[in-house]
């Protein structure tokens, strides 16, 4: 099992990674952040809880028997990839990628792997 810090480090090794946050969407609290450069990853991760909550609310209103896997926000130079972890239902990752360097399918594969090994019992 990987700690939060180890999971963040693995995410930062994804091609094109600029910054990453692990966030508890129920509380809006960042469990940890890494990278980001001039971007405030704690602010970005916490603010993204509104996006996740809104989508969960819509899924409930539409009575869909489903759950969020990923939410992708595409900017001119970046991808912002929100990925939920089935083993930790209240936690998601918020990964910012350089659009020229990243491969989305590969990033998603890495995030799934990180989610399977993530342990929230220790950080």
C-alpha atoms as a PDB file:
ATOM      1  CA  UNK A   1       0.000   0.000   0.000  1.00  0.00           C
ATOM      2  CA  UNK A   2       1.202   3.496  -0.813  1.00  0.00           C
ATOM      3  CA  UNK A   3       0.981   6.502   1.476  1.00  0.00           C
ATOM      4  CA  UNK A   4      -0.524   9.780   0.317  1.00  0.00           C
ATOM      5  CA  UNK A   5       2.959  11.211  -0.262  1.00  0.00           C
ATOM      6  CA  UNK A   6       4.065   8.169  -2.270  1.00  0.00           C
ATOM      7  CA  UNK A   7       0.874   8.369  -4.329  1.00  0.00           C
ATOM      8  CA  UNK A   8       1.484  12.049  -5.066  1.00  0.00           C
ATOM      9  CA  UNK A   9       5.056  11.248  -6.118  1.00  0.00           C
ATOM     10  CA  UNK A  10       3.800   8.533  -8.482  1.00  0.00           C
ATOM     11  CA  UNK A  11       1.326  10.988 -10.005  1.00  0.00           C
ATOM     12  CA  UNK A  12       4.081  13.535 -10.572  1.00  0.00           C
ATOM     13  CA  UNK A  13       5.968  10.918 -12.607  1.00  0.00           C
ATOM     14  CA  UNK A  14       3.128  10.775 -15.153  1.00  0.00           C
ATOM     15  CA  UNK A  15       4.324  12.308 -18.425  1.00  0.00           C
ATOM     16  CA  UNK A  16       3.376  15.976 -18.547  1.00  0.00           C
ATOM     17  CA  UNK A  17       2.404  16.253 -14.867  1.00  0.00           C
ATOM     18  CA  UNK A  18       2.471  19.833 -13.602  1.00  0.00           C
ATOM     19  CA  UNK A  19       0.799  19.369 -10.231  1.00  0.00           C
ATOM     20  CA  UNK A  20      -1.477  17.043  -8.318  1.00  0.00           C
ATOM     21  CA  UNK A  21      -3.779  17.174  -5.316  1.00  0.00           C
ATOM     22  CA  UNK A  22      -5.575  14.424  -3.415  1.00  0.00           C
ATOM     23  CA  UNK A  23      -8.822  15.794  -2.056  1.00  0.00           C
ATOM     24  CA  UNK A  24     -11.633  14.634   0.206  1.00  0.00           C
ATOM     25  CA  UNK A  25     -14.677  16.029  -1.599  1.00  0.00           C
ATOM     26  CA  UNK A  26     -16.985  15.651   1.406  1.00  0.00           C
ATOM     27  CA  UNK A  27     -14.917  18.045   3.501  1.00  0.00           C
ATOM     28  CA  UNK A  28     -13.167  19.933   0.693  1.00  0.00           C
ATOM     29  CA  UNK A  29      -9.852  19.327   2.437  1.00  0.00           C
ATOM     30  CA  UNK A  30      -6.704  18.562   0.464  1.00  0.00           C
ATOM     31  CA  UNK A  31      -5.058  15.457   1.848  1.00  0.00           C
ATOM     32  CA  UNK A  32      -1.852  16.410   0.062  1.00  0.00           C
ATOM     33  CA  UNK A  33      -0.453  18.274  -2.911  1.00  0.00           C
ATOM     34  CA  UNK A  34       2.702  18.214  -4.972  1.00  0.00           C
ATOM     35  CA  UNK A  35       4.095  20.330  -7.789  1.00  0.00           C
ATOM     36  CA  UNK A  36       2.084  23.040  -9.439  1.00  0.00           C
ATOM     37  CA  UNK A  37       4.836  25.605  -9.929  1.00  0.00           C
ATOM     38  CA  UNK A  38       3.077  28.973  -9.719  1.00  0.00           C
ATOM     39  CA  UNK A  39      -0.318  27.248  -9.344  1.00  0.00           C
ATOM     40  CA  UNK A  40      -1.697  26.927  -5.825  1.00  0.00           C
ATOM     41  CA  UNK A  41      -2.561  23.212  -5.900  1.00  0.00           C
ATOM     42  CA  UNK A  42      -4.239  23.307  -2.502  1.00  0.00           C
ATOM     43  CA  UNK A  43      -6.622  26.046  -3.672  1.00  0.00           C
ATOM     44  CA  UNK A  44      -7.184  24.349  -7.033  1.00  0.00           C
ATOM     45  CA  UNK A  45      -7.883  20.966  -5.445  1.00  0.00           C
ATOM     46  CA  UNK A  46     -10.215  22.343  -2.801  1.00  0.00           C
ATOM     47  CA  UNK A  47     -12.116  24.472  -5.333  1.00  0.00           C
ATOM     48  CA  UNK A  48     -12.589  21.442  -7.572  1.00  0.00           C
ATOM     49  CA  UNK A  49     -14.775  19.849  -4.904  1.00  0.00           C
ATOM     50  CA  UNK A  50     -17.587  22.072  -6.216  1.00  0.00           C
ATOM     51  CA  UNK A  51     -17.256  20.458  -9.659  1.00  0.00           C
ATOM     52  CA  UNK A  52     -17.307  16.952  -8.189  1.00  0.00           C
ATOM     53  CA  UNK A  53     -20.227  17.682  -5.862  1.00  0.00           C
ATOM     54  CA  UNK A  54     -22.195  19.252  -8.719  1.00  0.00           C
ATOM     55  CA  UNK A  55     -21.705  16.214 -10.937  1.00  0.00           C
ATOM     56  CA  UNK A  56     -22.621  13.810  -8.122  1.00  0.00           C
ATOM     57  CA  UNK A  57     -25.744  15.865  -7.479  1.00  0.00           C
ATOM     58  CA  UNK A  58     -26.695  15.688 -11.166  1.00  0.00           C
ATOM     59  CA  UNK A  59     -26.153  11.917 -11.242  1.00  0.00           C
ATOM     60  CA  UNK A  60     -28.467  11.636  -8.223  1.00  0.00           C
ATOM     61  CA  UNK A  61     -31.106  13.941  -9.745  1.00  0.00           C
ATOM     62  CA  UNK A  62     -31.097  11.921 -12.960  1.00  0.00           C
ATOM     63  CA  UNK A  63     -31.368   8.724 -10.894  1.00  0.00           C
ATOM     64  CA  UNK A  64     -28.420   7.226 -12.728  1.00  0.00           C
ATOM     65  CA  UNK A  65     -27.101   4.038 -11.195  1.00  0.00           C
ATOM     66  CA  UNK A  66     -23.515   5.050 -11.886  1.00  0.00           C
ATOM     67  CA  UNK A  67     -20.539   6.891 -10.452  1.00  0.00           C
ATOM     68  CA  UNK A  68     -17.861   9.302 -11.620  1.00  0.00           C
ATOM     69  CA  UNK A  69     -14.734   7.752 -13.034  1.00  0.00           C
ATOM     70  CA  UNK A  70     -13.090  10.841 -14.546  1.00  0.00           C
ATOM     71  CA  UNK A  71     -13.914  14.450 -15.303  1.00  0.00           C
ATOM     72  CA  UNK A  72     -11.758  16.126 -17.940  1.00  0.00           C
ATOM     73  CA  UNK A  73     -11.364  19.874 -18.345  1.00  0.00           C
ATOM     74  CA  UNK A  74      -9.466  20.817 -21.464  1.00  0.00           C
ATOM     75  CA  UNK A  75      -7.672  24.159 -21.605  1.00  0.00           C
ATOM     76  CA  UNK A  76      -5.557  25.541 -24.414  1.00  0.00           C
ATOM     77  CA  UNK A  77      -2.280  24.360 -22.868  1.00  0.00           C
ATOM     78  CA  UNK A  78      -3.379  21.984 -20.129  1.00  0.00           C
ATOM     79  CA  UNK A  79      -5.564  19.057 -19.230  1.00  0.00           C
ATOM     80  CA  UNK A  80      -7.158  19.070 -15.783  1.00  0.00           C
ATOM     81  CA  UNK A  81      -8.040  15.482 -14.945  1.00  0.00           C
ATOM     82  CA  UNK A  82     -10.254  14.722 -11.961  1.00  0.00           C
ATOM     83  CA  UNK A  83     -10.167  11.030 -11.104  1.00  0.00           C
ATOM     84  CA  UNK A  84     -12.210   9.282  -8.419  1.00  0.00           C
ATOM     85  CA  UNK A  85     -10.978   6.271  -6.490  1.00  0.00           C
ATOM     86  CA  UNK A  86     -13.547   3.468  -6.082  1.00  0.00           C
ATOM     87  CA  UNK A  87     -11.720   2.108  -3.003  1.00  0.00           C
ATOM     88  CA  UNK A  88     -11.914   5.535  -1.372  1.00  0.00           C
ATOM     89  CA  UNK A  89     -15.287   6.914  -2.441  1.00  0.00           C
ATOM     90  CA  UNK A  90     -14.857  10.366  -0.908  1.00  0.00           C
ATOM     91  CA  UNK A  91     -11.385  10.962  -2.400  1.00  0.00           C
ATOM     92  CA  UNK A  92     -10.387  12.170  -5.828  1.00  0.00           C
ATOM     93  CA  UNK A  93      -7.184  13.229  -7.495  1.00  0.00           C
ATOM     94  CA  UNK A  94      -6.860  16.490  -9.363  1.00  0.00           C
ATOM     95  CA  UNK A  95      -4.020  16.215 -11.858  1.00  0.00           C
ATOM     96  CA  UNK A  96      -2.891  19.088 -14.075  1.00  0.00           C
ATOM     97  CA  UNK A  97      -1.051  18.010 -17.197  1.00  0.00           C
ATOM     98  CA  UNK A  98       0.891  19.828 -19.886  1.00  0.00           C
ATOM     99  CA  UNK A  99      -1.236  19.176 -22.968  1.00  0.00           C
ATOM    100  CA  UNK A 100       1.769  18.868 -25.322  1.00  0.00           C
ATOM    101  CA  UNK A 101       3.538  16.265 -23.173  1.00  0.00           C
ATOM    102  CA  UNK A 102       0.677  14.217 -21.728  1.00  0.00           C
ATOM    103  CA  UNK A 103      -1.105  11.161 -23.048  1.00  0.00           C
ATOM    104  CA  UNK A 104      -4.571  11.027 -21.483  1.00  0.00           C
ATOM    105  CA  UNK A 105      -5.151   7.246 -21.705  1.00  0.00           C
ATOM    106  CA  UNK A 106      -1.780   6.618 -20.085  1.00  0.00           C
ATOM    107  CA  UNK A 107      -2.447   9.209 -17.360  1.00  0.00           C
ATOM    108  CA  UNK A 108      -5.810   7.585 -16.606  1.00  0.00           C
ATOM    109  CA  UNK A 109      -4.159   4.156 -16.391  1.00  0.00           C
ATOM    110  CA  UNK A 110      -1.562   5.480 -13.945  1.00  0.00           C
ATOM    111  CA  UNK A 111      -4.235   7.140 -11.789  1.00  0.00           C
ATOM    112  CA  UNK A 112      -6.242   3.892 -11.611  1.00  0.00           C
ATOM    113  CA  UNK A 113      -3.090   2.093 -10.457  1.00  0.00           C
ATOM    114  CA  UNK A 114      -2.379   4.788  -7.867  1.00  0.00           C
ATOM    115  CA  UNK A 115      -5.939   4.491  -6.565  1.00  0.00           C
ATOM    116  CA  UNK A 116      -5.650   0.723  -6.148  1.00  0.00           C
ATOM    117  CA  UNK A 117      -2.515   1.068  -4.021  1.00  0.00           C
ATOM    118  CA  UNK A 118      -3.478   4.185  -2.042  1.00  0.00           C
ATOM    119  CA  UNK A 119      -3.728   3.819   1.715  1.00  0.00           C
ATOM    120  CA  UNK A 120      -5.395   6.585   3.700  1.00  0.00           C
ATOM    121  CA  UNK A 121      -4.551   4.960   7.029  1.00  0.00           C
ATOM    122  CA  UNK A 122      -1.115   6.517   7.028  1.00  0.00           C
ATOM    123  CA  UNK A 123       0.391   9.523   5.299  1.00  0.00           C
END
